[in-house]
C-alpha atoms as a PDB file:
ATOM      1  CA  MET A   1     -10.756 109.521 110.185  1.00  0.00           C
ATOM      2  CA  PRO A   2      -8.312 111.762 112.081  1.00  0.00           C
ATOM      3  CA  ILE A   3      -5.738 113.697 110.090  1.00  0.00           C
ATOM      4  CA  ASP A   4      -2.235 112.359 110.768  1.00  0.00           C
ATOM      5  CA  ILE A   5      -0.004 115.355 111.392  1.00  0.00           C
ATOM      6  CA  ILE A   6       3.492 116.319 112.416  1.00  0.00           C
ATOM      7  CA  LEU A   7       3.739 119.727 114.082  1.00  0.00           C
ATOM      8  CA  ASP A   8       6.921 121.519 112.980  1.00  0.00           C
ATOM      9  CA  THR A   9       7.375 124.448 115.342  1.00  0.00           C
ATOM     10  CA  ASP A  10       9.593 127.139 116.839  1.00  0.00           C
ATOM     11  CA  ILE A  11       7.693 126.765 120.102  1.00  0.00           C
ATOM     12  CA  ALA A  12       8.783 128.801 123.173  1.00  0.00           C
ATOM     13  CA  THR A  13       9.171 132.192 121.488  1.00  0.00           C
ATOM     14  CA  ASP A  14       5.799 133.663 120.456  1.00  0.00           C
ATOM     15  CA  VAL A  15       3.120 132.035 122.659  1.00  0.00           C
ATOM     16  CA  ASP A  16       0.972 131.288 119.605  1.00  0.00           C
ATOM     17  CA  ALA A  17       3.029 128.142 118.925  1.00  0.00           C
ATOM     18  CA  SER A  18       2.084 126.769 122.349  1.00  0.00           C
ATOM     19  CA  LEU A  19      -1.528 127.671 121.615  1.00  0.00           C
ATOM     20  CA  ALA A  20      -1.388 125.797 118.307  1.00  0.00           C
ATOM     21  CA  LEU A  21      -0.085 122.712 120.118  1.00  0.00           C
ATOM     22  CA  ALA A  22      -2.906 123.092 122.647  1.00  0.00           C
ATOM     23  CA  LEU A  23      -5.499 123.319 119.867  1.00  0.00           C
ATOM     24  CA  VAL A  24      -4.094 120.242 118.148  1.00  0.00           C
ATOM     25  CA  LEU A  25      -4.252 118.261 121.400  1.00  0.00           C
ATOM     26  CA  ALA A  26      -7.822 119.450 122.042  1.00  0.00           C
ATOM     27  CA  SER A  27      -9.041 118.437 118.572  1.00  0.00           C
ATOM     28  CA  PRO A  28     -10.164 114.869 117.805  1.00  0.00           C
ATOM     29  CA  GLU A  29      -9.789 115.709 114.122  1.00  0.00           C
ATOM     30  CA  PHE A  30      -6.009 115.287 114.546  1.00  0.00           C
ATOM     31  CA  ARG A  31      -3.744 112.349 115.311  1.00  0.00           C
ATOM     32  CA  LEU A  32      -0.461 113.961 116.374  1.00  0.00           C
ATOM     33  CA  ARG A  33       2.390 111.728 115.224  1.00  0.00           C
ATOM     34  CA  GLY A  34       5.189 113.920 116.534  1.00  0.00           C
ATOM     35  CA  VAL A  35       6.530 117.407 117.182  1.00  0.00           C
ATOM     36  CA  THR A  36       9.672 118.599 115.408  1.00  0.00           C
ATOM     37  CA  CYS A  37      11.416 121.761 116.575  1.00  0.00           C
ATOM     38  CA  ALA A  38      13.125 124.242 114.281  1.00  0.00           C
ATOM     39  CA  TYR A  39      15.303 127.330 114.445  1.00  0.00           C
ATOM     40  CA  GLY A  40      17.565 128.609 117.201  1.00  0.00           C
ATOM     41  CA  ASP A  41      18.012 126.665 120.434  1.00  0.00           C
ATOM     42  CA  THR A  42      16.064 123.601 119.347  1.00  0.00           C
ATOM     43  CA  ASP A  43      17.117 121.709 122.489  1.00  0.00           C
ATOM     44  CA  LEU A  44      15.286 124.285 124.608  1.00  0.00           C
ATOM     45  CA  ARG A  45      12.331 124.192 122.215  1.00  0.00           C
ATOM     46  CA  ALA A  46      12.175 120.389 122.398  1.00  0.00           C
ATOM     47  CA  ARG A  47      12.317 120.387 126.209  1.00  0.00           C
ATOM     48  CA  TYR A  48       9.567 123.018 126.293  1.00  0.00           C
ATOM     49  CA  ALA A  49       7.325 121.034 123.933  1.00  0.00           C
ATOM     50  CA  ALA A  50       7.946 117.782 125.800  1.00  0.00           C
ATOM     51  CA  LYS A  51       7.025 119.394 129.112  1.00  0.00           C
ATOM     52  CA  LEU A  52       3.778 120.795 127.720  1.00  0.00           C
ATOM     53  CA  LEU A  53       2.914 117.375 126.308  1.00  0.00           C
ATOM     54  CA  ALA A  54       3.623 115.754 129.661  1.00  0.00           C
ATOM     55  CA  LEU A  55       1.341 118.268 131.407  1.00  0.00           C
ATOM     56  CA  ALA A  56      -1.369 117.365 128.896  1.00  0.00           C
ATOM     57  CA  GLY A  57      -0.905 113.648 129.606  1.00  0.00           C
ATOM     58  CA  ARG A  58       0.511 113.113 126.107  1.00  0.00           C
ATOM     59  CA  GLY A  59       4.009 111.964 126.862  1.00  0.00           C
ATOM     60  CA  ASP A  60       3.466 109.329 124.176  1.00  0.00           C
ATOM     61  CA  VAL A  61       3.967 111.957 121.445  1.00  0.00           C
ATOM     62  CA  PRO A  62       7.633 111.998 120.354  1.00  0.00           C
ATOM     63  CA  VAL A  63       9.476 115.322 120.249  1.00  0.00           C
ATOM     64  CA  MET A  64      12.565 115.880 118.115  1.00  0.00           C
ATOM     65  CA  ALA A  65      15.077 118.718 117.965  1.00  0.00           C
ATOM     66  CA  GLY A  66      15.815 119.953 114.483  1.00  0.00           C
ATOM     67  CA  THR A  67      18.102 122.288 112.618  1.00  0.00           C
ATOM     68  CA  GLN A  68      19.267 125.371 114.509  1.00  0.00           C
ATOM     69  CA  GLN A  69      20.553 127.530 111.647  1.00  0.00           C
ATOM     70  CA  PRO A  70      18.813 128.730 108.468  1.00  0.00           C
ATOM     71  CA  LEU A  71      19.453 126.692 105.342  1.00  0.00           C
ATOM     72  CA  LEU A  72      22.339 128.858 104.066  1.00  0.00           C
ATOM     73  CA  SER A  73      23.229 130.503 107.416  1.00  0.00           C
ATOM     74  CA  ARG A  74      23.084 133.943 105.807  1.00  0.00           C
ATOM     75  CA  ARG A  75      21.228 135.599 108.681  1.00  0.00           C
ATOM     76  CA  PRO A  76      21.645 135.632 112.440  1.00  0.00           C
ATOM     77  CA  VAL A  77      19.058 133.662 114.371  1.00  0.00           C
ATOM     78  CA  TYR A  78      16.356 135.802 115.981  1.00  0.00           C
ATOM     79  CA  TRP A  79      16.008 135.088 119.711  1.00  0.00           C
ATOM     80  CA  GLU A  80      13.732 137.154 121.965  1.00  0.00           C
ATOM     81  CA  GLY A  81      15.382 136.046 125.217  1.00  0.00           C
ATOM     82  CA  HIS A  82      12.343 135.032 127.256  1.00  0.00           C
ATOM     83  CA  GLU A  83      12.138 131.528 125.752  1.00  0.00           C
ATOM     84  CA  GLY A  84      11.212 128.864 128.283  1.00  0.00           C
ATOM     85  CA  SER A  85      10.428 131.289 131.106  1.00  0.00           C
ATOM     86  CA  ALA A  86       7.453 130.495 133.364  1.00  0.00           C
ATOM     87  CA  LEU A  87       7.541 126.866 132.218  1.00  0.00           C
ATOM     88  CA  LEU A  88      11.128 125.552 132.342  1.00  0.00           C
ATOM     89  CA  ALA A  89      13.466 126.140 135.252  1.00  0.00           C
ATOM     90  CA  PRO A  90      16.956 127.265 134.120  1.00  0.00           C
ATOM     91  CA  GLY A  91      18.732 124.187 132.776  1.00  0.00           C
ATOM     92  CA  GLU A  92      15.752 121.935 133.562  1.00  0.00           C
ATOM     93  CA  ALA A  93      16.255 118.484 132.025  1.00  0.00           C
ATOM     94  CA  VAL A  94      13.266 117.115 130.113  1.00  0.00           C
ATOM     95  CA  ASP A  95      13.629 113.948 128.049  1.00  0.00           C
ATOM     96  CA  TYR A  96      12.806 113.912 124.348  1.00  0.00           C
ATOM     97  CA  SER A  97      13.690 111.721 121.363  1.00  0.00           C
ATOM     98  CA  ARG A  98      17.253 111.924 120.063  1.00  0.00           C
ATOM     99  CA  GLU A  99      16.222 111.107 116.497  1.00  0.00           C
ATOM    100  CA  PRO A 100      17.026 114.147 114.316  1.00  0.00           C
ATOM    101  CA  ALA A 101      13.904 115.987 113.248  1.00  0.00           C
ATOM    102  CA  VAL A 102      14.666 115.737 109.515  1.00  0.00           C
ATOM    103  CA  ASP A 103      15.223 111.978 109.780  1.00  0.00           C
ATOM    104  CA  PHE A 104      11.898 111.662 111.610  1.00  0.00           C
ATOM    105  CA  LEU A 105      10.033 113.671 108.970  1.00  0.00           C
ATOM    106  CA  ILE A 106      11.401 111.517 106.163  1.00  0.00           C
ATOM    107  CA  ARG A 107      10.830 108.240 108.030  1.00  0.00           C
ATOM    108  CA  MET A 108       7.242 109.075 108.960  1.00  0.00           C
ATOM    109  CA  ALA A 109       6.359 110.306 105.461  1.00  0.00           C
ATOM    110  CA  ASN A 110       7.613 107.044 103.978  1.00  0.00           C
ATOM    111  CA  THR A 111       5.909 104.962 106.680  1.00  0.00           C
ATOM    112  CA  HIS A 112       2.561 106.658 105.959  1.00  0.00           C
ATOM    113  CA  PRO A 113       2.830 107.560 102.246  1.00  0.00           C
ATOM    114  CA  GLY A 114       0.235 110.042 101.106  1.00  0.00           C
ATOM    115  CA  ALA A 115      -1.404 110.165 104.538  1.00  0.00           C
ATOM    116  CA  LEU A 116       0.811 112.474 106.621  1.00  0.00           C
ATOM    117  CA  HIS A 117       0.247 116.224 106.804  1.00  0.00           C
ATOM    118  CA  VAL A 118       2.824 118.685 108.167  1.00  0.00           C
ATOM    119  CA  LEU A 119       1.531 121.644 110.142  1.00  0.00           C
ATOM    120  CA  ALA A 120       4.454 124.051 109.728  1.00  0.00           C
ATOM    121  CA  ILE A 121       4.463 126.990 112.137  1.00  0.00           C
ATOM    122  CA  ALA A 122       8.177 127.852 112.086  1.00  0.00           C
ATOM    123  CA  PRO A 123      10.893 128.817 109.648  1.00  0.00           C
ATOM    124  CA  LEU A 124      10.768 126.006 107.092  1.00  0.00           C
ATOM    125  CA  THR A 125      14.331 124.697 107.425  1.00  0.00           C
ATOM    126  CA  ASN A 126      13.495 121.180 108.649  1.00  0.00           C
ATOM    127  CA  ILE A 127      10.974 120.602 105.876  1.00  0.00           C
ATOM    128  CA  ALA A 128      13.239 122.035 103.183  1.00  0.00           C
ATOM    129  CA  LEU A 129      16.096 119.774 104.259  1.00  0.00           C
ATOM    130  CA  ALA A 130      13.772 116.762 104.127  1.00  0.00           C
ATOM    131  CA  LEU A 131      12.686 117.752 100.598  1.00  0.00           C
ATOM    132  CA  LEU A 132      16.268 118.291  99.457  1.00  0.00           C
ATOM    133  CA  ARG A 133      17.122 114.778 100.643  1.00  0.00           C
ATOM    134  CA  GLN A 134      13.960 113.259  99.138  1.00  0.00           C
ATOM    135  CA  PRO A 135      12.384 115.596  96.579  1.00  0.00           C
ATOM    136  CA  ARG A 136       9.391 113.282  96.094  1.00  0.00           C
ATOM    137  CA  LEU A 137       8.658 113.014  99.780  1.00  0.00           C
ATOM    138  CA  PRO A 138       5.160 111.428  99.896  1.00  0.00           C
ATOM    139  CA  LEU A 139       3.400 113.956 102.129  1.00  0.00           C
ATOM    140  CA  ALA A 140      -0.338 114.561 101.891  1.00  0.00           C
ATOM    141  CA  GLY A 141       0.345 118.271 102.173  1.00  0.00           C
ATOM    142  CA  ILE A 142       1.818 121.131 104.162  1.00  0.00           C
ATOM    143  CA  THR A 143      -0.161 123.812 105.977  1.00  0.00           C
ATOM    144  CA  LEU A 144       2.023 126.725 106.970  1.00  0.00           C
ATOM    145  CA  MET A 145       1.583 129.868 108.960  1.00  0.00           C
ATOM    146  CA  GLY A 146       3.703 132.266 107.015  1.00  0.00           C
ATOM    147  CA  GLY A 147       3.950 134.908 104.372  1.00  0.00           C
ATOM    148  CA  VAL A 148       2.192 138.224 103.988  1.00  0.00           C
ATOM    149  CA  LEU A 149       0.197 139.585 101.055  1.00  0.00           C
ATOM    150  CA  ARG A 150      -0.174 143.230 102.208  1.00  0.00           C
ATOM    151  CA  GLY A 151      -3.452 143.701 100.396  1.00  0.00           C
ATOM    152  CA  PRO A 152      -5.434 146.941 100.288  1.00  0.00           C
ATOM    153  CA  GLY A 153      -5.399 148.745 103.592  1.00  0.00           C
ATOM    154  CA  ARG A 154      -2.656 146.570 105.123  1.00  0.00           C
ATOM    155  CA  LEU A 155       0.431 148.711 104.685  1.00  0.00           C
ATOM    156  CA  ASP A 156       0.863 148.399 108.458  1.00  0.00           C
ATOM    157  CA  LEU A 157       2.169 144.862 107.901  1.00  0.00           C
ATOM    158  CA  PRO A 158       5.853 144.104 107.327  1.00  0.00           C
ATOM    159  CA  ILE A 159       7.075 143.455 103.807  1.00  0.00           C
ATOM    160  CA  ALA A 160       8.284 139.994 104.856  1.00  0.00           C
ATOM    161  CA  GLU A 161       6.735 137.772 107.541  1.00  0.00           C
ATOM    162  CA  HIS A 162       8.902 136.269 110.324  1.00  0.00           C
ATOM    163  CA  ASN A 163       8.733 132.548 109.436  1.00  0.00           C
ATOM    164  CA  ILE A 164       9.634 133.264 105.813  1.00  0.00           C
ATOM    165  CA  VAL A 165      12.295 135.943 106.291  1.00  0.00           C
ATOM    166  CA  CYS A 166      14.141 133.854 108.902  1.00  0.00           C
ATOM    167  CA  ASP A 167      14.890 131.309 106.156  1.00  0.00           C
ATOM    168  CA  PRO A 168      13.641 132.500 102.749  1.00  0.00           C
ATOM    169  CA  GLU A 169      15.685 129.890 100.878  1.00  0.00           C
ATOM    170  CA  ALA A 170      13.942 127.125 102.809  1.00  0.00           C
ATOM    171  CA  ALA A 171      10.560 128.719 102.053  1.00  0.00           C
ATOM    172  CA  HIS A 172      11.494 128.773  98.360  1.00  0.00           C
ATOM    173  CA  VAL A 173      12.257 125.029  98.459  1.00  0.00           C
ATOM    174  CA  VAL A 174       8.915 124.239 100.108  1.00  0.00           C
ATOM    175  CA  LEU A 175       6.758 126.528  97.970  1.00  0.00           C
ATOM    176  CA  SER A 176       8.341 125.299  94.736  1.00  0.00           C
ATOM    177  CA  SER A 177       8.190 121.599  95.693  1.00  0.00           C
ATOM    178  CA  GLY A 178       4.889 120.899  93.923  1.00  0.00           C
ATOM    179  CA  LEU A 179       3.371 119.519  97.120  1.00  0.00           C
ATOM    180  CA  PRO A 180      -0.096 120.736  98.119  1.00  0.00           C
ATOM    181  CA  VAL A 181       0.540 123.764 100.339  1.00  0.00           C
ATOM    182  CA  ARG A 182      -1.956 125.825 102.320  1.00  0.00           C
ATOM    183  CA  MET A 183      -0.478 129.206 103.314  1.00  0.00           C
ATOM    184  CA  ILE A 184      -2.140 131.182 106.110  1.00  0.00           C
ATOM    185  CA  PRO A 185      -0.609 134.667 105.901  1.00  0.00           C
ATOM    186  CA  LEU A 186      -0.064 137.441 108.402  1.00  0.00           C
ATOM    187  CA  ASP A 187      -2.888 139.452 106.811  1.00  0.00           C
ATOM    188  CA  LEU A 188      -5.381 137.013 108.397  1.00  0.00           C
ATOM    189  CA  THR A 189      -3.587 135.960 111.563  1.00  0.00           C
ATOM    190  CA  THR A 190      -3.320 139.567 112.776  1.00  0.00           C
ATOM    191  CA  GLN A 191      -7.135 139.703 112.716  1.00  0.00           C
ATOM    192  CA  VAL A 192      -7.588 137.054 115.437  1.00  0.00           C
ATOM    193  CA  ARG A 193      -6.558 137.192 119.081  1.00  0.00           C
ATOM    194  CA  VAL A 194      -6.990 135.822 122.588  1.00  0.00           C
ATOM    195  CA  THR A 195      -7.913 138.379 125.262  1.00  0.00           C
ATOM    196  CA  PRO A 196      -7.938 138.256 129.086  1.00  0.00           C
ATOM    197  CA  ALA A 197     -11.510 136.913 128.992  1.00  0.00           C
ATOM    198  CA  GLY A 198     -10.342 134.027 126.808  1.00  0.00           C
ATOM    199  CA  VAL A 199      -7.381 133.359 129.087  1.00  0.00           C
ATOM    200  CA  ALA A 200      -9.754 133.201 132.058  1.00  0.00           C
ATOM    201  CA  ASP A 201     -11.965 130.691 130.213  1.00  0.00           C
ATOM    202  CA  ILE A 202      -8.945 128.492 129.448  1.00  0.00           C
ATOM    203  CA  ARG A 203      -7.684 128.615 133.039  1.00  0.00           C
ATOM    204  CA  ALA A 204     -11.162 127.758 134.346  1.00  0.00           C
ATOM    205  CA  GLY A 205     -10.830 124.361 132.665  1.00  0.00           C
ATOM    206  CA  GLY A 206      -8.797 123.498 135.744  1.00  0.00           C
ATOM    207  CA  THR A 207      -6.232 121.019 134.422  1.00  0.00           C
ATOM    208  CA  PRO A 208      -2.464 121.492 134.926  1.00  0.00           C
ATOM    209  CA  PHE A 209      -2.104 121.873 131.169  1.00  0.00           C
ATOM    210  CA  GLN A 210      -4.760 124.593 130.952  1.00  0.00           C
ATOM    211  CA  HIS A 211      -3.169 126.435 133.876  1.00  0.00           C
ATOM    212  CA  ALA A 212       0.233 126.216 132.135  1.00  0.00           C
ATOM    213  CA  ILE A 213      -1.166 127.512 128.838  1.00  0.00           C
ATOM    214  CA  ALA A 214      -2.927 130.426 130.550  1.00  0.00           C
ATOM    215  CA  ALA A 215       0.276 131.278 132.431  1.00  0.00           C
ATOM    216  CA  GLN A 216       2.296 131.184 129.203  1.00  0.00           C
ATOM    217  CA  ILE A 217      -0.082 133.652 127.554  1.00  0.00           C
ATOM    218  CA  GLU A 218       0.138 136.020 130.510  1.00  0.00           C
ATOM    219  CA  ALA A 219       3.942 135.772 130.632  1.00  0.00           C
ATOM    220  CA  TYR A 220       4.321 136.583 126.939  1.00  0.00           C
ATOM    221  CA  PRO A 221       5.817 140.100 126.682  1.00  0.00           C
ATOM    222  CA  ARG A 222       3.610 141.245 123.804  1.00  0.00           C
ATOM    223  CA  TYR A 223       0.475 140.111 125.628  1.00  0.00           C
ATOM    224  CA  GLN A 224       1.570 142.189 128.598  1.00  0.00           C
ATOM    225  CA  GLN A 225       2.143 145.204 126.347  1.00  0.00           C
ATOM    226  CA  GLN A 226      -0.990 144.884 124.197  1.00  0.00           C
ATOM    227  CA  GLY A 227      -3.499 143.127 126.445  1.00  0.00           C
ATOM    228  CA  TYR A 228      -3.972 140.367 123.864  1.00  0.00           C
ATOM    229  CA  ALA A 229      -1.992 137.836 121.827  1.00  0.00           C
ATOM    230  CA  ASN A 230      -2.555 137.148 118.149  1.00  0.00           C
ATOM    231  CA  LEU A 231      -3.528 133.599 117.225  1.00  0.00           C
ATOM    232  CA  HIS A 232      -1.208 133.240 114.244  1.00  0.00           C
ATOM    233  CA  ASP A 233      -0.352 129.526 114.496  1.00  0.00           C
ATOM    234  CA  PRO A 234      -3.705 128.309 115.876  1.00  0.00           C
ATOM    235  CA  LEU A 235      -5.446 129.755 112.813  1.00  0.00           C
ATOM    236  CA  ALA A 236      -3.269 127.573 110.579  1.00  0.00           C
ATOM    237  CA  ALA A 237      -4.253 124.517 112.627  1.00  0.00           C
ATOM    238  CA  ALA A 238      -7.935 125.472 112.525  1.00  0.00           C
ATOM    239  CA  SER A 239      -7.841 125.745 108.728  1.00  0.00           C
ATOM    240  CA  LEU A 240      -7.438 121.963 108.670  1.00  0.00           C
ATOM    241  CA  ILE A 241     -10.204 121.331 111.217  1.00  0.00           C
ATOM    242  CA  ASP A 242     -12.844 123.638 109.719  1.00  0.00           C
ATOM    243  CA  PRO A 243     -11.917 125.030 106.298  1.00  0.00           C
ATOM    244  CA  SER A 244     -15.121 127.114 106.290  1.00  0.00           C
ATOM    245  CA  LEU A 245     -13.457 129.506 108.745  1.00  0.00           C
ATOM    246  CA  LEU A 246     -11.351 130.881 105.878  1.00  0.00           C
ATOM    247  CA  THR A 247     -11.635 131.807 102.236  1.00  0.00           C
ATOM    248  CA  MET A 248      -8.786 130.347 100.191  1.00  0.00           C
ATOM    249  CA  GLN A 249      -7.472 131.281  96.752  1.00  0.00           C
ATOM    250  CA  ARG A 250      -5.199 129.153  94.569  1.00  0.00           C
ATOM    251  CA  ALA A 251      -2.064 131.078  93.654  1.00  0.00           C
ATOM    252  CA  ARG A 252       1.537 130.729  92.637  1.00  0.00           C
ATOM    253  CA  VAL A 253       3.716 132.041  95.453  1.00  0.00           C
ATOM    254  CA  ALA A 254       7.307 133.123  94.886  1.00  0.00           C
ATOM    255  CA  VAL A 255       9.750 134.082  97.637  1.00  0.00           C
ATOM    256  CA  GLU A 256      12.039 137.065  97.036  1.00  0.00           C
ATOM    257  CA  LEU A 257      15.615 135.939  97.753  1.00  0.00           C
ATOM    258  CA  ALA A 258      17.766 138.888  96.744  1.00  0.00           C
ATOM    259  CA  GLY A 259      15.877 142.152  97.178  1.00  0.00           C
ATOM    260  CA  ALA A 260      17.662 145.075  98.806  1.00  0.00           C
ATOM    261  CA  HIS A 261      14.526 145.818 100.858  1.00  0.00           C
ATOM    262  CA  THR A 262      12.243 142.863 100.126  1.00  0.00           C
ATOM    263  CA  THR A 263      14.136 139.636 100.891  1.00  0.00           C
ATOM    264  CA  GLY A 264      11.635 137.129 102.249  1.00  0.00           C
ATOM    265  CA  ALA A 265       8.612 138.816 100.676  1.00  0.00           C
ATOM    266  CA  THR A 266       5.963 136.383  99.404  1.00  0.00           C
ATOM    267  CA  LEU A 267       4.610 137.328  95.976  1.00  0.00           C
ATOM    268  CA  ALA A 268       1.304 135.666  95.131  1.00  0.00           C
ATOM    269  CA  GLN A 269      -0.476 135.608  91.784  1.00  0.00           C
ATOM    270  CA  THR A 270      -3.813 133.920  91.170  1.00  0.00           C
ATOM    271  CA  ASP A 271      -3.446 130.629  89.293  1.00  0.00           C
ATOM    272  CA  GLU A 272      -6.145 127.958  89.549  1.00  0.00           C
ATOM    273  CA  SER A 273      -3.635 125.293  88.467  1.00  0.00           C
ATOM    274  CA  ALA A 274      -1.220 126.103  91.329  1.00  0.00           C
ATOM    275  CA  SER A 275      -0.516 123.595  94.097  1.00  0.00           C
ATOM    276  CA  THR A 276      -0.626 126.355  96.720  1.00  0.00           C
ATOM    277  CA  GLU A 277      -3.724 127.825  98.366  1.00  0.00           C
ATOM    278  CA  VAL A 278      -3.477 131.198 100.104  1.00  0.00           C
ATOM    279  CA  GLY A 279      -5.834 132.454 102.792  1.00  0.00           C
ATOM    280  CA  VAL A 280      -7.505 135.703 101.740  1.00  0.00           C
ATOM    281  CA  ALA A 281     -10.275 136.129 104.347  1.00  0.00           C
ATOM    282  CA  VAL A 282     -11.169 134.819 107.812  1.00  0.00           C
ATOM    283  CA  ASP A 283     -14.273 134.771 109.989  1.00  0.00           C
ATOM    284  CA  GLY A 284     -12.365 136.133 112.984  1.00  0.00           C
ATOM    285  CA  PRO A 285     -15.096 136.209 115.637  1.00  0.00           C
ATOM    286  CA  ARG A 286     -16.219 132.647 114.856  1.00  0.00           C
ATOM    287  CA  PHE A 287     -12.636 131.371 114.967  1.00  0.00           C
ATOM    288  CA  GLU A 288     -11.927 133.104 118.288  1.00  0.00           C
ATOM    289  CA  ARG A 289     -15.029 131.481 119.825  1.00  0.00           C
ATOM    290  CA  PHE A 290     -14.040 128.121 118.374  1.00  0.00           C
ATOM    291  CA  PHE A 291     -10.474 128.378 119.678  1.00  0.00           C
ATOM    292  CA  THR A 292     -11.345 129.422 123.225  1.00  0.00           C
ATOM    293  CA  GLY A 293     -14.127 126.863 123.438  1.00  0.00           C
ATOM    294  CA  ARG A 294     -11.865 124.003 122.379  1.00  0.00           C
ATOM    295  CA  LEU A 295      -9.124 124.883 124.867  1.00  0.00           C
ATOM    296  CA  ALA A 296     -11.543 125.561 127.725  1.00  0.00           C
ATOM    297  CA  ALA A 297     -13.283 122.204 127.236  1.00  0.00           C
ATOM    298  CA  ALA A 298     -10.108 120.119 126.790  1.00  0.00           C
ATOM    299  CA  ARG A 299      -9.604 117.194 129.172  1.00  0.00           C
END
């Protein structure tokens, strides 16, 4: 049976969120119940997501705008400035649902108790607000791209990962909720990427959606600078499709909320009784082949 999921996303900033949506749409293992947008200009994010869905012929999937500010509004919102470019014309109107994202999350969880999974690839504000309103929200689980372990040899990584540090209080709510959580950290997602050869394979699929996805990769500033884009969010999605791509370890994960230099850091300690699983290894080459193959073959 397909996995019922809601995709909670900050789509339109880093291209990997668009690539995660593309992987979800290309995967029969998923039944996408809706897309909720978080953080910053969520109207722009919702219009962006709705346009991509329309290009994929999936205008049936509802898109909701969510909370714009972090849970406690202690930090300014990070905004790169290129959001929507190469897909949305300035001020382009694209219809999406006017139901608030948090209301949708709660309604869908209660409509499908114990069956709905949230794929969380954004700051966790929407999900935290849903849990604060209904602490026993009957979700099957949450898979999140977020956190960083900074294991041996990874001092190049930041102390705190973007999705967590943008709203560490929300991350604390989610990771202490007792719900089953799968955390795919930056340590793994920086090991996987899409290159120009992969972009060419995706574009060769020939559909308007595949052309749009390829163009979004090429327009992404970091892709232009590096010659590749990391597949952060798609790896989180793939962990649900084929768990054998990753090695997971059960651990208690705490979020630092008040450190002078470490706010947003994720501190993991092995605990086989914990409700959280943390990714500790990935078969990068196999995942990259899997990802490109799925998107190139999508129809």
